[in-house]
């Protein structure tokens, strides 16, 4: 159920988004993402 719904929603937001901004490089520590991935 979720995958088709997510893909449709993603497509909607791709076409709905009209604004853009240059986002400065974000500081992050990849190690801190590991618990979530695990």
ModelCIF file with pLDDT and N, C-alpha, C, O atoms, coordinates in Angstrom:
data_MODEL
#
_entry.id   MODEL 
#
_entity.id                         1 
_entity.type                       polymer 
_entity.pdbx_number_of_molecules   1 
#
_entity_poly.entity_id                      1 
_entity_poly.type                           'polypeptide(L)' 
_entity_poly.nstd_linkage                   no 
_entity_poly.nstd_monomer                   no 
_entity_poly.pdbx_seq_one_letter_code       
;(UNK)(UNK)(UNK)(UNK)(UNK)(UNK)(UNK)(UNK)(UNK)(UNK)(UNK)(UNK)(UNK)(UNK)(UNK)(UNK)
(UNK)(UNK)(UNK)(UNK)(UNK)(UNK)(UNK)(UNK)(UNK)(UNK)(UNK)(UNK)(UNK)(UNK)(UNK)(UNK)
(UNK)(UNK)(UNK)(UNK)(UNK)(UNK)
;
_entity_poly.pdbx_seq_one_letter_code_can   XXXXXXXXXXXXXXXXXXXXXXXXXXXXXXXXXXXXXX 
_entity_poly.pdbx_strand_id                 A 
#
loop_
_entity_poly_seq.entity_id 
_entity_poly_seq.num 
_entity_poly_seq.mon_id 
_entity_poly_seq.hetero 
1 1  UNK n 
1 2  UNK n 
1 3  UNK n 
1 4  UNK n 
1 5  UNK n 
1 6  UNK n 
1 7  UNK n 
1 8  UNK n 
1 9  UNK n 
1 10 UNK n 
1 11 UNK n 
1 12 UNK n 
1 13 UNK n 
1 14 UNK n 
1 15 UNK n 
1 16 UNK n 
1 17 UNK n 
1 18 UNK n 
1 19 UNK n 
1 20 UNK n 
1 21 UNK n 
1 22 UNK n 
1 23 UNK n 
1 24 UNK n 
1 25 UNK n 
1 26 UNK n 
1 27 UNK n 
1 28 UNK n 
1 29 UNK n 
1 30 UNK n 
1 31 UNK n 
1 32 UNK n 
1 33 UNK n 
1 34 UNK n 
1 35 UNK n 
1 36 UNK n 
1 37 UNK n 
1 38 UNK n 
#
_struct_asym.id          A 
_struct_asym.entity_id   1 
#
loop_
_ma_qa_metric.id 
_ma_qa_metric.mode 
_ma_qa_metric.name 
_ma_qa_metric.software_group_id 
_ma_qa_metric.type 
1 global pLDDT . pLDDT 
2 local  pLDDT . pLDDT 
#
_ma_qa_metric_global.metric_id      1 
_ma_qa_metric_global.metric_value   78.39 
_ma_qa_metric_global.model_id       1 
_ma_qa_metric_global.ordinal_id     1 
#
loop_
_ma_qa_metric_local.label_asym_id 
_ma_qa_metric_local.label_comp_id 
_ma_qa_metric_local.label_seq_id 
_ma_qa_metric_local.metric_id 
_ma_qa_metric_local.metric_value 
_ma_qa_metric_local.model_id 
_ma_qa_metric_local.ordinal_id 
A UNK 1  2 94.00 1 1  
A UNK 2  2 93.00 1 2  
A UNK 3  2 94.00 1 3  
A UNK 4  2 95.00 1 4  
A UNK 5  2 95.00 1 5  
A UNK 6  2 94.00 1 6  
A UNK 7  2 95.00 1 7  
A UNK 8  2 95.00 1 8  
A UNK 9  2 94.00 1 9  
A UNK 10 2 92.00 1 10 
A UNK 11 2 92.00 1 11 
A UNK 12 2 92.00 1 12 
A UNK 13 2 90.00 1 13 
A UNK 14 2 87.00 1 14 
A UNK 15 2 86.00 1 15 
A UNK 16 2 82.00 1 16 
A UNK 17 2 66.00 1 17 
A UNK 18 2 58.00 1 18 
A UNK 19 2 54.00 1 19 
A UNK 20 2 53.00 1 20 
A UNK 21 2 57.00 1 21 
A UNK 22 2 58.00 1 22 
A UNK 23 2 59.00 1 23 
A UNK 24 2 60.00 1 24 
A UNK 25 2 57.00 1 25 
A UNK 26 2 58.00 1 26 
A UNK 27 2 62.00 1 27 
A UNK 28 2 65.00 1 28 
A UNK 29 2 73.00 1 29 
A UNK 30 2 77.00 1 30 
A UNK 31 2 83.00 1 31 
A UNK 32 2 82.00 1 32 
A UNK 33 2 81.00 1 33 
A UNK 34 2 83.00 1 34 
A UNK 35 2 83.00 1 35 
A UNK 36 2 78.00 1 36 
A UNK 37 2 79.00 1 37 
A UNK 38 2 83.00 1 38 
#
loop_
_atom_site.group_PDB 
_atom_site.id 
_atom_site.type_symbol 
_atom_site.label_atom_id 
_atom_site.label_alt_id 
_atom_site.label_comp_id 
_atom_site.label_asym_id 
_atom_site.label_entity_id 
_atom_site.label_seq_id 
_atom_site.pdbx_PDB_ins_code 
_atom_site.Cartn_x 
_atom_site.Cartn_y 
_atom_site.Cartn_z 
_atom_site.occupancy 
_atom_site.B_iso_or_equiv 
_atom_site.pdbx_formal_charge 
_atom_site.auth_seq_id 
_atom_site.auth_comp_id 
_atom_site.auth_asym_id 
_atom_site.auth_atom_id 
_atom_site.pdbx_PDB_model_num 
ATOM 1   N N  . UNK A 1 1  ? 0.819  -1.212 0.000  1.00 94.00 ? 1  UNK A N  1 
ATOM 2   C CA . UNK A 1 1  ? 0.000  0.000  0.000  1.00 94.00 ? 1  UNK A CA 1 
ATOM 3   C C  . UNK A 1 1  ? 0.859  1.270  0.000  1.00 94.00 ? 1  UNK A C  1 
ATOM 4   O O  . UNK A 1 1  ? 0.567  2.235  -0.707 1.00 94.00 ? 1  UNK A O  1 
ATOM 5   N N  . UNK A 1 2  ? 1.932  1.246  0.817  1.00 93.00 ? 2  UNK A N  1 
ATOM 6   C CA . UNK A 1 2  ? 2.693  2.467  1.065  1.00 93.00 ? 2  UNK A CA 1 
ATOM 7   C C  . UNK A 1 2  ? 3.564  2.896  -0.111 1.00 93.00 ? 2  UNK A C  1 
ATOM 8   O O  . UNK A 1 2  ? 3.667  4.089  -0.398 1.00 93.00 ? 2  UNK A O  1 
ATOM 9   N N  . UNK A 1 3  ? 4.188  1.946  -0.792 1.00 94.00 ? 3  UNK A N  1 
ATOM 10  C CA . UNK A 1 3  ? 5.112  2.303  -1.876 1.00 94.00 ? 3  UNK A CA 1 
ATOM 11  C C  . UNK A 1 3  ? 4.399  3.039  -3.018 1.00 94.00 ? 3  UNK A C  1 
ATOM 12  O O  . UNK A 1 3  ? 4.858  4.108  -3.421 1.00 94.00 ? 3  UNK A O  1 
ATOM 13  N N  . UNK A 1 4  ? 3.290  2.503  -3.556 1.00 95.00 ? 4  UNK A N  1 
ATOM 14  C CA . UNK A 1 4  ? 2.603  3.261  -4.612 1.00 95.00 ? 4  UNK A CA 1 
ATOM 15  C C  . UNK A 1 4  ? 2.140  4.640  -4.140 1.00 95.00 ? 4  UNK A C  1 
ATOM 16  O O  . UNK A 1 4  ? 2.250  5.624  -4.872 1.00 95.00 ? 4  UNK A O  1 
ATOM 17  N N  . UNK A 1 5  ? 1.623  4.699  -2.912 1.00 95.00 ? 5  UNK A N  1 
ATOM 18  C CA . UNK A 1 5  ? 1.150  5.985  -2.379 1.00 95.00 ? 5  UNK A CA 1 
ATOM 19  C C  . UNK A 1 5  ? 2.306  6.970  -2.240 1.00 95.00 ? 5  UNK A C  1 
ATOM 20  O O  . UNK A 1 5  ? 2.156  8.153  -2.544 1.00 95.00 ? 5  UNK A O  1 
ATOM 21  N N  . UNK A 1 6  ? 3.464  6.482  -1.780 1.00 94.00 ? 6  UNK A N  1 
ATOM 22  C CA . UNK A 1 6  ? 4.629  7.349  -1.605 1.00 94.00 ? 6  UNK A CA 1 
ATOM 23  C C  . UNK A 1 6  ? 5.144  7.861  -2.951 1.00 94.00 ? 6  UNK A C  1 
ATOM 24  O O  . UNK A 1 6  ? 5.527  9.025  -3.069 1.00 94.00 ? 6  UNK A O  1 
ATOM 25  N N  . UNK A 1 7  ? 5.153  6.998  -3.956 1.00 95.00 ? 7  UNK A N  1 
ATOM 26  C CA . UNK A 1 7  ? 5.631  7.406  -5.281 1.00 95.00 ? 7  UNK A CA 1 
ATOM 27  C C  . UNK A 1 7  ? 4.711  8.465  -5.898 1.00 95.00 ? 7  UNK A C  1 
ATOM 28  O O  . UNK A 1 7  ? 5.177  9.426  -6.510 1.00 95.00 ? 7  UNK A O  1 
ATOM 29  N N  . UNK A 1 8  ? 3.407  8.274  -5.727 1.00 95.00 ? 8  UNK A N  1 
ATOM 30  C CA . UNK A 1 8  ? 2.457  9.272  -6.236 1.00 95.00 ? 8  UNK A CA 1 
ATOM 31  C C  . UNK A 1 8  ? 2.643  10.593 -5.509 1.00 95.00 ? 8  UNK A C  1 
ATOM 32  O O  . UNK A 1 8  ? 2.638  11.657 -6.128 1.00 95.00 ? 8  UNK A O  1 
ATOM 33  N N  . UNK A 1 9  ? 2.810  10.520 -4.181 1.00 94.00 ? 9  UNK A N  1 
ATOM 34  C CA . UNK A 1 9  ? 3.009  11.736 -3.384 1.00 94.00 ? 9  UNK A CA 1 
ATOM 35  C C  . UNK A 1 9  ? 4.299  12.436 -3.777 1.00 94.00 ? 9  UNK A C  1 
ATOM 36  O O  . UNK A 1 9  ? 4.344  13.660 -3.897 1.00 94.00 ? 9  UNK A O  1 
ATOM 37  N N  . UNK A 1 10 ? 5.343  11.650 -3.973 1.00 92.00 ? 10 UNK A N  1 
ATOM 38  C CA . UNK A 1 10 ? 6.638  12.215 -4.374 1.00 92.00 ? 10 UNK A CA 1 
ATOM 39  C C  . UNK A 1 10 ? 6.522  12.930 -5.709 1.00 92.00 ? 10 UNK A C  1 
ATOM 40  O O  . UNK A 1 10 ? 7.061  14.023 -5.887 1.00 92.00 ? 10 UNK A O  1 
ATOM 41  N N  . UNK A 1 11 ? 5.819  12.311 -6.644 1.00 92.00 ? 11 UNK A N  1 
ATOM 42  C CA . UNK A 1 11 ? 5.607  12.928 -7.961 1.00 92.00 ? 11 UNK A CA 1 
ATOM 43  C C  . UNK A 1 11 ? 4.845  14.251 -7.826 1.00 92.00 ? 11 UNK A C  1 
ATOM 44  O O  . UNK A 1 11 ? 5.156  15.235 -8.497 1.00 92.00 ? 11 UNK A O  1 
ATOM 45  N N  . UNK A 1 12 ? 3.849  14.249 -6.951 1.00 92.00 ? 12 UNK A N  1 
ATOM 46  C CA . UNK A 1 12 ? 3.080  15.470 -6.728 1.00 92.00 ? 12 UNK A CA 1 
ATOM 47  C C  . UNK A 1 12 ? 3.982  16.604 -6.244 1.00 92.00 ? 12 UNK A C  1 
ATOM 48  O O  . UNK A 1 12 ? 3.894  17.726 -6.742 1.00 92.00 ? 12 UNK A O  1 
ATOM 49  N N  . UNK A 1 13 ? 4.850  16.309 -5.270 1.00 90.00 ? 13 UNK A N  1 
ATOM 50  C CA . UNK A 1 13 ? 5.711  17.352 -4.719 1.00 90.00 ? 13 UNK A CA 1 
ATOM 51  C C  . UNK A 1 13 ? 6.800  17.790 -5.713 1.00 90.00 ? 13 UNK A C  1 
ATOM 52  O O  . UNK A 1 13 ? 7.258  18.931 -5.665 1.00 90.00 ? 13 UNK A O  1 
ATOM 53  N N  . UNK A 1 14 ? 7.206  16.895 -6.599 1.00 87.00 ? 14 UNK A N  1 
ATOM 54  C CA . UNK A 1 14 ? 8.180  17.269 -7.634 1.00 87.00 ? 14 UNK A CA 1 
ATOM 55  C C  . UNK A 1 14 ? 7.591  18.337 -8.551 1.00 87.00 ? 14 UNK A C  1 
ATOM 56  O O  . UNK A 1 14 ? 8.261  19.315 -8.883 1.00 87.00 ? 14 UNK A O  1 
ATOM 57  N N  . UNK A 1 15 ? 6.355  18.151 -8.953 1.00 86.00 ? 15 UNK A N  1 
ATOM 58  C CA . UNK A 1 15 ? 5.714  19.103 -9.865 1.00 86.00 ? 15 UNK A CA 1 
ATOM 59  C C  . UNK A 1 15 ? 5.155  20.322 -9.129 1.00 86.00 ? 15 UNK A C  1 
ATOM 60  O O  . UNK A 1 15 ? 4.986  21.385 -9.725 1.00 86.00 ? 15 UNK A O  1 
ATOM 61  N N  . UNK A 1 16 ? 4.867  20.167 -7.833 1.00 82.00 ? 16 UNK A N  1 
ATOM 62  C CA . UNK A 1 16 ? 4.288  21.280 -7.077 1.00 82.00 ? 16 UNK A CA 1 
ATOM 63  C C  . UNK A 1 16 ? 5.343  22.287 -6.641 1.00 82.00 ? 16 UNK A C  1 
ATOM 64  O O  . UNK A 1 16 ? 5.046  23.470 -6.470 1.00 82.00 ? 16 UNK A O  1 
ATOM 65  N N  . UNK A 1 17 ? 6.584  21.814 -6.461 1.00 66.00 ? 17 UNK A N  1 
ATOM 66  C CA . UNK A 1 17 ? 7.638  22.698 -5.979 1.00 66.00 ? 17 UNK A CA 1 
ATOM 67  C C  . UNK A 1 17 ? 8.114  23.647 -7.059 1.00 66.00 ? 17 UNK A C  1 
ATOM 68  O O  . UNK A 1 17 ? 8.518  23.227 -8.143 1.00 66.00 ? 17 UNK A O  1 
ATOM 69  N N  . UNK A 1 18 ? 8.061  24.935 -6.750 1.00 58.00 ? 18 UNK A N  1 
ATOM 70  C CA . UNK A 1 18 ? 8.487  25.926 -7.741 1.00 58.00 ? 18 UNK A CA 1 
ATOM 71  C C  . UNK A 1 18 ? 9.653  26.765 -7.255 1.00 58.00 ? 18 UNK A C  1 
ATOM 72  O O  . UNK A 1 18 ? 10.309 27.447 -8.042 1.00 58.00 ? 18 UNK A O  1 
ATOM 73  N N  . UNK A 1 19 ? 9.911  26.714 -5.951 1.00 54.00 ? 19 UNK A N  1 
ATOM 74  C CA . UNK A 1 19 ? 10.965 27.559 -5.392 1.00 54.00 ? 19 UNK A CA 1 
ATOM 75  C C  . UNK A 1 19 ? 12.255 26.793 -5.208 1.00 54.00 ? 19 UNK A C  1 
ATOM 76  O O  . UNK A 1 19 ? 12.250 25.572 -5.049 1.00 54.00 ? 19 UNK A O  1 
ATOM 77  N N  . UNK A 1 20 ? 13.362 27.516 -5.230 1.00 53.00 ? 20 UNK A N  1 
ATOM 78  C CA . UNK A 1 20 ? 14.657 26.887 -4.984 1.00 53.00 ? 20 UNK A CA 1 
ATOM 79  C C  . UNK A 1 20 ? 15.567 27.892 -4.302 1.00 53.00 ? 20 UNK A C  1 
ATOM 80  O O  . UNK A 1 20 ? 15.382 29.104 -4.408 1.00 53.00 ? 20 UNK A O  1 
ATOM 81  N N  . UNK A 1 21 ? 16.539 27.363 -3.610 1.00 57.00 ? 21 UNK A N  1 
ATOM 82  C CA . UNK A 1 21 ? 17.514 28.201 -2.925 1.00 57.00 ? 21 UNK A CA 1 
ATOM 83  C C  . UNK A 1 21 ? 18.806 27.399 -2.792 1.00 57.00 ? 21 UNK A C  1 
ATOM 84  O O  . UNK A 1 21 ? 18.789 26.186 -2.583 1.00 57.00 ? 21 UNK A O  1 
ATOM 85  N N  . UNK A 1 22 ? 19.901 28.096 -2.916 1.00 58.00 ? 22 UNK A N  1 
ATOM 86  C CA . UNK A 1 22 ? 21.185 27.428 -2.732 1.00 58.00 ? 22 UNK A CA 1 
ATOM 87  C C  . UNK A 1 22 ? 21.404 27.194 -1.237 1.00 58.00 ? 22 UNK A C  1 
ATOM 88  O O  . UNK A 1 22 ? 21.587 28.141 -0.472 1.00 58.00 ? 22 UNK A O  1 
ATOM 89  N N  . UNK A 1 23 ? 21.384 25.948 -0.840 1.00 59.00 ? 23 UNK A N  1 
ATOM 90  C CA . UNK A 1 23 ? 21.568 25.612 0.568  1.00 59.00 ? 23 UNK A CA 1 
ATOM 91  C C  . UNK A 1 23 ? 23.055 25.447 0.844  1.00 59.00 ? 23 UNK A C  1 
ATOM 92  O O  . UNK A 1 23 ? 23.757 24.725 0.136  1.00 59.00 ? 23 UNK A O  1 
ATOM 93  N N  . UNK A 1 24 ? 23.513 26.118 1.870  1.00 60.00 ? 24 UNK A N  1 
ATOM 94  C CA . UNK A 1 24 ? 24.916 26.009 2.235  1.00 60.00 ? 24 UNK A CA 1 
ATOM 95  C C  . UNK A 1 24 ? 25.234 24.578 2.646  1.00 60.00 ? 24 UNK A C  1 
ATOM 96  O O  . UNK A 1 24 ? 24.377 23.882 3.191  1.00 60.00 ? 24 UNK A O  1 
ATOM 97  N N  . UNK A 1 25 ? 26.466 24.133 2.386  1.00 57.00 ? 25 UNK A N  1 
ATOM 98  C CA . UNK A 1 25 ? 26.850 22.777 2.791  1.00 57.00 ? 25 UNK A CA 1 
ATOM 99  C C  . UNK A 1 25 ? 26.551 22.549 4.271  1.00 57.00 ? 25 UNK A C  1 
ATOM 100 O O  . UNK A 1 25 ? 26.915 23.358 5.125  1.00 57.00 ? 25 UNK A O  1 
ATOM 101 N N  . UNK A 1 26 ? 25.891 21.450 4.552  1.00 58.00 ? 26 UNK A N  1 
ATOM 102 C CA . UNK A 1 26 ? 25.478 21.144 5.916  1.00 58.00 ? 26 UNK A CA 1 
ATOM 103 C C  . UNK A 1 26 ? 26.544 20.307 6.624  1.00 58.00 ? 26 UNK A C  1 
ATOM 104 O O  . UNK A 1 26 ? 27.076 19.344 6.070  1.00 58.00 ? 26 UNK A O  1 
ATOM 105 N N  . UNK A 1 27 ? 26.835 20.697 7.844  1.00 62.00 ? 27 UNK A N  1 
ATOM 106 C CA . UNK A 1 27 ? 27.774 19.914 8.642  1.00 62.00 ? 27 UNK A CA 1 
ATOM 107 C C  . UNK A 1 27 ? 27.030 18.728 9.247  1.00 62.00 ? 27 UNK A C  1 
ATOM 108 O O  . UNK A 1 27 ? 25.990 18.903 9.882  1.00 62.00 ? 27 UNK A O  1 
ATOM 109 N N  . UNK A 1 28 ? 27.546 17.558 9.057  1.00 65.00 ? 28 UNK A N  1 
ATOM 110 C CA . UNK A 1 28 ? 26.918 16.368 9.630  1.00 65.00 ? 28 UNK A CA 1 
ATOM 111 C C  . UNK A 1 28 ? 27.978 15.294 9.854  1.00 65.00 ? 28 UNK A C  1 
ATOM 112 O O  . UNK A 1 28 ? 29.015 15.275 9.191  1.00 65.00 ? 28 UNK A O  1 
ATOM 113 N N  . UNK A 1 29 ? 27.701 14.413 10.788 1.00 73.00 ? 29 UNK A N  1 
ATOM 114 C CA . UNK A 1 29 ? 28.590 13.293 11.095 1.00 73.00 ? 29 UNK A CA 1 
ATOM 115 C C  . UNK A 1 29 ? 27.873 12.018 10.674 1.00 73.00 ? 29 UNK A C  1 
ATOM 116 O O  . UNK A 1 29 ? 26.879 11.622 11.283 1.00 73.00 ? 29 UNK A O  1 
ATOM 117 N N  . UNK A 1 30 ? 28.383 11.387 9.637  1.00 77.00 ? 30 UNK A N  1 
ATOM 118 C CA . UNK A 1 30 ? 27.728 10.193 9.086  1.00 77.00 ? 30 UNK A CA 1 
ATOM 119 C C  . UNK A 1 30 ? 27.595 9.089  10.134 1.00 77.00 ? 30 UNK A C  1 
ATOM 120 O O  . UNK A 1 30 ? 26.652 8.299  10.088 1.00 77.00 ? 30 UNK A O  1 
ATOM 121 N N  . UNK A 1 31 ? 28.524 9.035  11.067 1.00 83.00 ? 31 UNK A N  1 
ATOM 122 C CA . UNK A 1 31 ? 28.491 7.994  12.102 1.00 83.00 ? 31 UNK A CA 1 
ATOM 123 C C  . UNK A 1 31 ? 27.187 8.068  12.912 1.00 83.00 ? 31 UNK A C  1 
ATOM 124 O O  . UNK A 1 31 ? 26.663 7.045  13.353 1.00 83.00 ? 31 UNK A O  1 
ATOM 125 N N  . UNK A 1 32 ? 26.675 9.285  13.100 1.00 82.00 ? 32 UNK A N  1 
ATOM 126 C CA . UNK A 1 32 ? 25.477 9.457  13.923 1.00 82.00 ? 32 UNK A CA 1 
ATOM 127 C C  . UNK A 1 32 ? 24.207 8.977  13.227 1.00 82.00 ? 32 UNK A C  1 
ATOM 128 O O  . UNK A 1 32 ? 23.157 8.856  13.858 1.00 82.00 ? 32 UNK A O  1 
ATOM 129 N N  . UNK A 1 33 ? 24.303 8.706  11.934 1.00 81.00 ? 33 UNK A N  1 
ATOM 130 C CA . UNK A 1 33 ? 23.156 8.177  11.199 1.00 81.00 ? 33 UNK A CA 1 
ATOM 131 C C  . UNK A 1 33 ? 23.105 6.653  11.303 1.00 81.00 ? 33 UNK A C  1 
ATOM 132 O O  . UNK A 1 33 ? 22.066 6.043  11.049 1.00 81.00 ? 33 UNK A O  1 
ATOM 133 N N  . UNK A 1 34 ? 24.223 6.044  11.675 1.00 83.00 ? 34 UNK A N  1 
ATOM 134 C CA . UNK A 1 34 ? 24.333 4.582  11.706 1.00 83.00 ? 34 UNK A CA 1 
ATOM 135 C C  . UNK A 1 34 ? 23.277 3.906  12.578 1.00 83.00 ? 34 UNK A C  1 
ATOM 136 O O  . UNK A 1 34 ? 22.713 2.898  12.153 1.00 83.00 ? 34 UNK A O  1 
ATOM 137 N N  . UNK A 1 35 ? 22.979 4.420  13.798 1.00 83.00 ? 35 UNK A N  1 
ATOM 138 C CA . UNK A 1 35 ? 21.945 3.739  14.605 1.00 83.00 ? 35 UNK A CA 1 
ATOM 139 C C  . UNK A 1 35 ? 20.607 3.609  13.882 1.00 83.00 ? 35 UNK A C  1 
ATOM 140 O O  . UNK A 1 35 ? 19.945 2.577  13.994 1.00 83.00 ? 35 UNK A O  1 
ATOM 141 N N  . UNK A 1 36 ? 20.201 4.646  13.141 1.00 78.00 ? 36 UNK A N  1 
ATOM 142 C CA . UNK A 1 36 ? 18.941 4.589  12.410 1.00 78.00 ? 36 UNK A CA 1 
ATOM 143 C C  . UNK A 1 36 ? 18.996 3.533  11.300 1.00 78.00 ? 36 UNK A C  1 
ATOM 144 O O  . UNK A 1 36 ? 18.070 2.738  11.138 1.00 78.00 ? 36 UNK A O  1 
ATOM 145 N N  . UNK A 1 37 ? 20.073 3.540  10.555 1.00 79.00 ? 37 UNK A N  1 
ATOM 146 C CA . UNK A 1 37 ? 20.221 2.563  9.482  1.00 79.00 ? 37 UNK A CA 1 
ATOM 147 C C  . UNK A 1 37 ? 20.238 1.142  10.034 1.00 79.00 ? 37 UNK A C  1 
ATOM 148 O O  . UNK A 1 37 ? 19.654 0.229  9.450  1.00 79.00 ? 37 UNK A O  1 
ATOM 149 N N  . UNK A 1 38 ? 20.912 0.968  11.166 1.00 83.00 ? 38 UNK A N  1 
ATOM 150 C CA . UNK A 1 38 ? 20.999 -0.358 11.783 1.00 83.00 ? 38 UNK A CA 1 
ATOM 151 C C  . UNK A 1 38 ? 19.632 -0.856 12.216 1.00 83.00 ? 38 UNK A C  1 
ATOM 152 O O  . UNK A 1 38 ? 19.518 -1.958 12.754 1.00 83.00 ? 38 UNK A O  1 
#
